[in-house]
């Protein structure tokens, strides 16, 4: 999860909200993740890797 270039993967909700509120006006890039059951993990990681490469 991220806001612009700020990685929020291990952040608290309060930290994520603060970073989002502090983002400058204009275009804001958001990365959002939803927990996935373990049995689907491999498939989801492939999609996530593709997403990261596509926004690279």
PDB file of N, CA and C in Angstrom:
ATOM      1  N   UNK A   1       0.841  -1.164   0.000  1.00  0.00           N
ATOM      2  CA  UNK A   1       0.000   0.000   0.000  1.00  0.00           C
ATOM      3  C   UNK A   1       0.892   1.235   0.000  1.00  0.00           C
ATOM      4  N   UNK A   2       0.462   2.238  -0.719  1.00  0.00           N
ATOM      5  CA  UNK A   2       1.271   3.449  -0.794  1.00  0.00           C
ATOM      6  C   UNK A   2       0.415   4.653  -1.140  1.00  0.00           C
ATOM      7  N   UNK A   3       0.954   5.824  -0.825  1.00  0.00           N
ATOM      8  CA  UNK A   3       0.426   7.106  -1.281  1.00  0.00           C
ATOM      9  C   UNK A   3       1.604   7.802  -1.940  1.00  0.00           C
ATOM     10  N   UNK A   4       1.472   8.058  -3.239  1.00  0.00           N
ATOM     11  CA  UNK A   4       2.578   8.599  -4.035  1.00  0.00           C
ATOM     12  C   UNK A   4       3.810   7.729  -3.817  1.00  0.00           C
ATOM     13  N   UNK A   5       4.898   8.266  -3.313  1.00  0.00           N
ATOM     14  CA  UNK A   5       6.116   7.476  -3.118  1.00  0.00           C
ATOM     15  C   UNK A   5       6.290   6.997  -1.683  1.00  0.00           C
ATOM     16  N   UNK A   6       5.288   7.162  -0.859  1.00  0.00           N
ATOM     17  CA  UNK A   6       5.373   6.794   0.562  1.00  0.00           C
ATOM     18  C   UNK A   6       4.818   5.381   0.767  1.00  0.00           C
ATOM     19  N   UNK A   7       5.701   4.438   1.100  1.00  0.00           N
ATOM     20  CA  UNK A   7       5.288   3.053   1.354  1.00  0.00           C
ATOM     21  C   UNK A   7       4.580   2.972   2.698  1.00  0.00           C
ATOM     22  N   UNK A   8       3.376   2.445   2.687  1.00  0.00           N
ATOM     23  CA  UNK A   8       2.578   2.344   3.910  1.00  0.00           C
ATOM     24  C   UNK A   8       2.275   0.892   4.265  1.00  0.00           C
ATOM     25  N   UNK A   9       3.037  -0.019   3.719  1.00  0.00           N
ATOM     26  CA  UNK A   9       2.762  -1.444   3.899  1.00  0.00           C
ATOM     27  C   UNK A   9       2.667  -1.859   5.358  1.00  0.00           C
ATOM     28  N   UNK A  10       3.510  -1.321   6.200  1.00  0.00           N
ATOM     29  CA  UNK A  10       3.523  -1.711   7.613  1.00  0.00           C
ATOM     30  C   UNK A  10       3.097  -0.570   8.530  1.00  0.00           C
ATOM     31  N   UNK A  11       2.378   0.382   7.976  1.00  0.00           N
ATOM     32  CA  UNK A  11       1.974   1.558   8.750  1.00  0.00           C
ATOM     33  C   UNK A  11       0.641   1.339   9.454  1.00  0.00           C
ATOM     34  N   UNK A  12       0.412   2.160  10.456  1.00  0.00           N
ATOM     35  CA  UNK A  12      -0.886   2.159  11.127  1.00  0.00           C
ATOM     36  C   UNK A  12      -1.886   2.935  10.273  1.00  0.00           C
ATOM     37  N   UNK A  13      -3.147   2.783  10.588  1.00  0.00           N
ATOM     38  CA  UNK A  13      -4.179   3.545   9.887  1.00  0.00           C
ATOM     39  C   UNK A  13      -3.976   5.040  10.104  1.00  0.00           C
ATOM     40  N   UNK A  14      -3.615   5.429  11.324  1.00  0.00           N
ATOM     41  CA  UNK A  14      -3.377   6.852  11.608  1.00  0.00           C
ATOM     42  C   UNK A  14      -2.268   7.415  10.729  1.00  0.00           C
ATOM     43  N   UNK A  15      -1.196   6.657  10.558  1.00  0.00           N
ATOM     44  CA  UNK A  15      -0.078   7.100   9.716  1.00  0.00           C
ATOM     45  C   UNK A  15      -0.530   7.226   8.257  1.00  0.00           C
ATOM     46  N   UNK A  16      -1.277   6.250   7.776  1.00  0.00           N
ATOM     47  CA  UNK A  16      -1.752   6.285   6.389  1.00  0.00           C
ATOM     48  C   UNK A  16      -2.651   7.496   6.145  1.00  0.00           C
ATOM     49  N   UNK A  17      -3.520   7.784   7.083  1.00  0.00           N
ATOM     50  CA  UNK A  17      -4.409   8.946   6.960  1.00  0.00           C
ATOM     51  C   UNK A  17      -3.589  10.234   6.948  1.00  0.00           C
ATOM     52  N   UNK A  18      -2.594  10.322   7.821  1.00  0.00           N
ATOM     53  CA  UNK A  18      -1.754  11.522   7.885  1.00  0.00           C
ATOM     54  C   UNK A  18      -1.004  11.740   6.574  1.00  0.00           C
ATOM     55  N   UNK A  19      -0.472  10.667   6.004  1.00  0.00           N
ATOM     56  CA  UNK A  19       0.263  10.783   4.739  1.00  0.00           C
ATOM     57  C   UNK A  19      -0.683  11.206   3.621  1.00  0.00           C
ATOM     58  N   UNK A  20      -1.870  10.637   3.583  1.00  0.00           N
ATOM     59  CA  UNK A  20      -2.834  11.008   2.550  1.00  0.00           C
ATOM     60  C   UNK A  20      -3.253  12.468   2.684  1.00  0.00           C
ATOM     61  N   UNK A  21      -3.496  12.912   3.904  1.00  0.00           N
ATOM     62  CA  UNK A  21      -3.880  14.311   4.117  1.00  0.00           C
ATOM     63  C   UNK A  21      -2.753  15.271   3.759  1.00  0.00           C
ATOM     64  N   UNK A  22      -1.508  14.831   3.925  1.00  0.00           N
ATOM     65  CA  UNK A  22      -0.357  15.687   3.647  1.00  0.00           C
ATOM     66  C   UNK A  22       0.038  15.693   2.169  1.00  0.00           C
ATOM     67  N   UNK A  23      -0.583  14.848   1.366  1.00  0.00           N
ATOM     68  CA  UNK A  23      -0.244  14.788  -0.057  1.00  0.00           C
ATOM     69  C   UNK A  23      -0.570  16.130  -0.713  1.00  0.00           C
ATOM     70  N   UNK A  24       0.293  16.572  -1.625  1.00  0.00           N
ATOM     71  CA  UNK A  24       0.038  17.851  -2.292  1.00  0.00           C
ATOM     72  C   UNK A  24      -1.198  17.760  -3.184  1.00  0.00           C
ATOM     73  N   UNK A  25      -1.794  18.917  -3.459  1.00  0.00           N
ATOM     74  CA  UNK A  25      -2.950  18.945  -4.355  1.00  0.00           C
ATOM     75  C   UNK A  25      -2.525  18.489  -5.736  1.00  0.00           C
ATOM     76  N   UNK A  26      -3.456  17.927  -6.457  1.00  0.00           N
ATOM     77  CA  UNK A  26      -3.163  17.425  -7.794  1.00  0.00           C
ATOM     78  C   UNK A  26      -3.334  15.916  -7.824  1.00  0.00           C
ATOM     79  N   UNK A  27      -2.642  15.291  -8.746  1.00  0.00           N
ATOM     80  CA  UNK A  27      -2.738  13.841  -8.901  1.00  0.00           C
ATOM     81  C   UNK A  27      -2.056  13.145  -7.732  1.00  0.00           C
ATOM     82  N   UNK A  28      -2.762  12.206  -7.137  1.00  0.00           N
ATOM     83  CA  UNK A  28      -2.229  11.399  -6.034  1.00  0.00           C
ATOM     84  C   UNK A  28      -2.315   9.942  -6.452  1.00  0.00           C
ATOM     85  N   UNK A  29      -1.199   9.241  -6.371  1.00  0.00           N
ATOM     86  CA  UNK A  29      -1.168   7.817  -6.703  1.00  0.00           C
ATOM     87  C   UNK A  29      -1.407   7.012  -5.438  1.00  0.00           C
ATOM     88  N   UNK A  30      -2.389   6.112  -5.491  1.00  0.00           N
ATOM     89  CA  UNK A  30      -2.722   5.262  -4.354  1.00  0.00           C
ATOM     90  C   UNK A  30      -2.494   3.806  -4.727  1.00  0.00           C
ATOM     91  N   UNK A  31      -1.894   3.074  -3.831  1.00  0.00           N
ATOM     92  CA  UNK A  31      -1.777   1.625  -3.965  1.00  0.00           C
ATOM     93  C   UNK A  31      -2.548   1.004  -2.824  1.00  0.00           C
ATOM     94  N   UNK A  32      -3.519   0.180  -3.158  1.00  0.00           N
ATOM     95  CA  UNK A  32      -4.405  -0.384  -2.148  1.00  0.00           C
ATOM     96  C   UNK A  32      -4.374  -1.899  -2.263  1.00  0.00           C
ATOM     97  N   UNK A  33      -4.299  -2.571  -1.136  1.00  0.00           N
ATOM     98  CA  UNK A  33      -4.275  -4.033  -1.119  1.00  0.00           C
ATOM     99  C   UNK A  33      -5.423  -4.559  -0.277  1.00  0.00           C
ATOM    100  N   UNK A  34      -5.924  -5.688  -0.683  1.00  0.00           N
ATOM    101  CA  UNK A  34      -6.969  -6.377   0.075  1.00  0.00           C
ATOM    102  C   UNK A  34      -6.402  -7.730   0.488  1.00  0.00           C
ATOM    103  N   UNK A  35      -6.546  -8.107   1.749  1.00  0.00           N
ATOM    104  CA  UNK A  35      -6.042  -9.422   2.157  1.00  0.00           C
ATOM    105  C   UNK A  35      -6.649 -10.530   1.294  1.00  0.00           C
ATOM    106  N   UNK A  36      -5.809 -11.500   0.961  1.00  0.00           N
ATOM    107  CA  UNK A  36      -6.227 -12.597   0.101  1.00  0.00           C
ATOM    108  C   UNK A  36      -6.011 -13.908   0.844  1.00  0.00           C
ATOM    109  N   UNK A  37      -6.946 -14.844   0.733  1.00  0.00           N
ATOM    110  CA  UNK A  37      -6.728 -16.153   1.360  1.00  0.00           C
ATOM    111  C   UNK A  37      -5.441 -16.792   0.857  1.00  0.00           C
ATOM    112  N   UNK A  38      -4.786 -17.554   1.699  1.00  0.00           N
ATOM    113  CA  UNK A  38      -3.495 -18.168   1.374  1.00  0.00           C
ATOM    114  C   UNK A  38      -3.567 -18.979   0.084  1.00  0.00           C
ATOM    115  N   UNK A  39      -4.649 -19.709  -0.156  1.00  0.00           N
ATOM    116  CA  UNK A  39      -4.723 -20.569  -1.337  1.00  0.00           C
ATOM    117  C   UNK A  39      -4.728 -19.778  -2.642  1.00  0.00           C
ATOM    118  N   UNK A  40      -4.974 -18.482  -2.600  1.00  0.00           N
ATOM    119  CA  UNK A  40      -4.946 -17.645  -3.794  1.00  0.00           C
ATOM    120  C   UNK A  40      -3.701 -16.761  -3.834  1.00  0.00           C
ATOM    121  N   UNK A  41      -2.835 -16.895  -2.863  1.00  0.00           N
ATOM    122  CA  UNK A  41      -1.696 -15.995  -2.723  1.00  0.00           C
ATOM    123  C   UNK A  41      -0.803 -15.914  -3.937  1.00  0.00           C
ATOM    124  N   UNK A  42      -0.450 -17.057  -4.533  1.00  0.00           N
ATOM    125  CA  UNK A  42       0.448 -17.049  -5.675  1.00  0.00           C
ATOM    126  C   UNK A  42      -0.115 -16.264  -6.842  1.00  0.00           C
ATOM    127  N   UNK A  43      -1.386 -16.464  -7.133  1.00  0.00           N
ATOM    128  CA  UNK A  43      -2.035 -15.749  -8.230  1.00  0.00           C
ATOM    129  C   UNK A  43      -2.050 -14.253  -7.960  1.00  0.00           C
ATOM    130  N   UNK A  44      -2.394 -13.879  -6.739  1.00  0.00           N
ATOM    131  CA  UNK A  44      -2.477 -12.462  -6.392  1.00  0.00           C
ATOM    132  C   UNK A  44      -1.115 -11.788  -6.458  1.00  0.00           C
ATOM    133  N   UNK A  45      -0.065 -12.497  -6.051  1.00  0.00           N
ATOM    134  CA  UNK A  45       1.275 -11.917  -6.122  1.00  0.00           C
ATOM    135  C   UNK A  45       1.667 -11.641  -7.567  1.00  0.00           C
ATOM    136  N   UNK A  46       1.275 -12.502  -8.485  1.00  0.00           N
ATOM    137  CA  UNK A  46       1.577 -12.265  -9.897  1.00  0.00           C
ATOM    138  C   UNK A  46       0.889 -10.992 -10.385  1.00  0.00           C
ATOM    139  N   UNK A  47      -0.361 -10.803  -9.994  1.00  0.00           N
ATOM    140  CA  UNK A  47      -1.081  -9.588 -10.390  1.00  0.00           C
ATOM    141  C   UNK A  47      -0.416  -8.367  -9.779  1.00  0.00           C
ATOM    142  N   UNK A  48      -0.045  -8.453  -8.499  1.00  0.00           N
ATOM    143  CA  UNK A  48       0.602  -7.329  -7.827  1.00  0.00           C
ATOM    144  C   UNK A  48       1.934  -7.002  -8.492  1.00  0.00           C
ATOM    145  N   UNK A  49       2.731  -8.009  -8.827  1.00  0.00           N
ATOM    146  CA  UNK A  49       4.001  -7.778  -9.511  1.00  0.00           C
ATOM    147  C   UNK A  49       3.771  -7.096 -10.858  1.00  0.00           C
ATOM    148  N   UNK A  50       2.750  -7.559 -11.602  1.00  0.00           N
ATOM    149  CA  UNK A  50       2.430  -6.932 -12.879  1.00  0.00           C
ATOM    150  C   UNK A  50       2.051  -5.473 -12.681  1.00  0.00           C
ATOM    151  N   UNK A  51       1.239  -5.209 -11.659  1.00  0.00           N
ATOM    152  CA  UNK A  51       0.810  -3.840 -11.381  1.00  0.00           C
ATOM    153  C   UNK A  51       2.013  -2.946 -11.090  1.00  0.00           C
ATOM    154  N   UNK A  52       2.920  -3.417 -10.241  1.00  0.00           N
ATOM    155  CA  UNK A  52       4.090  -2.608  -9.910  1.00  0.00           C
ATOM    156  C   UNK A  52       4.937  -2.325 -11.145  1.00  0.00           C
ATOM    157  N   UNK A  53       5.098  -3.308 -12.015  1.00  0.00           N
ATOM    158  CA  UNK A  53       5.874  -3.086 -13.237  1.00  0.00           C
ATOM    159  C   UNK A  53       5.160  -2.100 -14.162  1.00  0.00           C
ATOM    160  N   UNK A  54       3.835  -2.153 -14.202  1.00  0.00           N
ATOM    161  CA  UNK A  54       3.098  -1.293 -15.129  1.00  0.00           C
ATOM    162  C   UNK A  54       3.118   0.174 -14.714  1.00  0.00           C
ATOM    163  N   UNK A  55       3.255   0.448 -13.410  1.00  0.00           N
ATOM    164  CA  UNK A  55       3.289   1.845 -12.970  1.00  0.00           C
ATOM    165  C   UNK A  55       4.710   2.357 -12.849  1.00  0.00           C
ATOM    166  N   UNK A  56       5.686   1.429 -12.959  1.00  0.00           N
ATOM    167  CA  UNK A  56       7.089   1.666 -12.772  1.00  0.00           C
ATOM    168  C   UNK A  56       7.621   2.932 -13.200  1.00  0.00           C
TER     169      UNK A  56
END
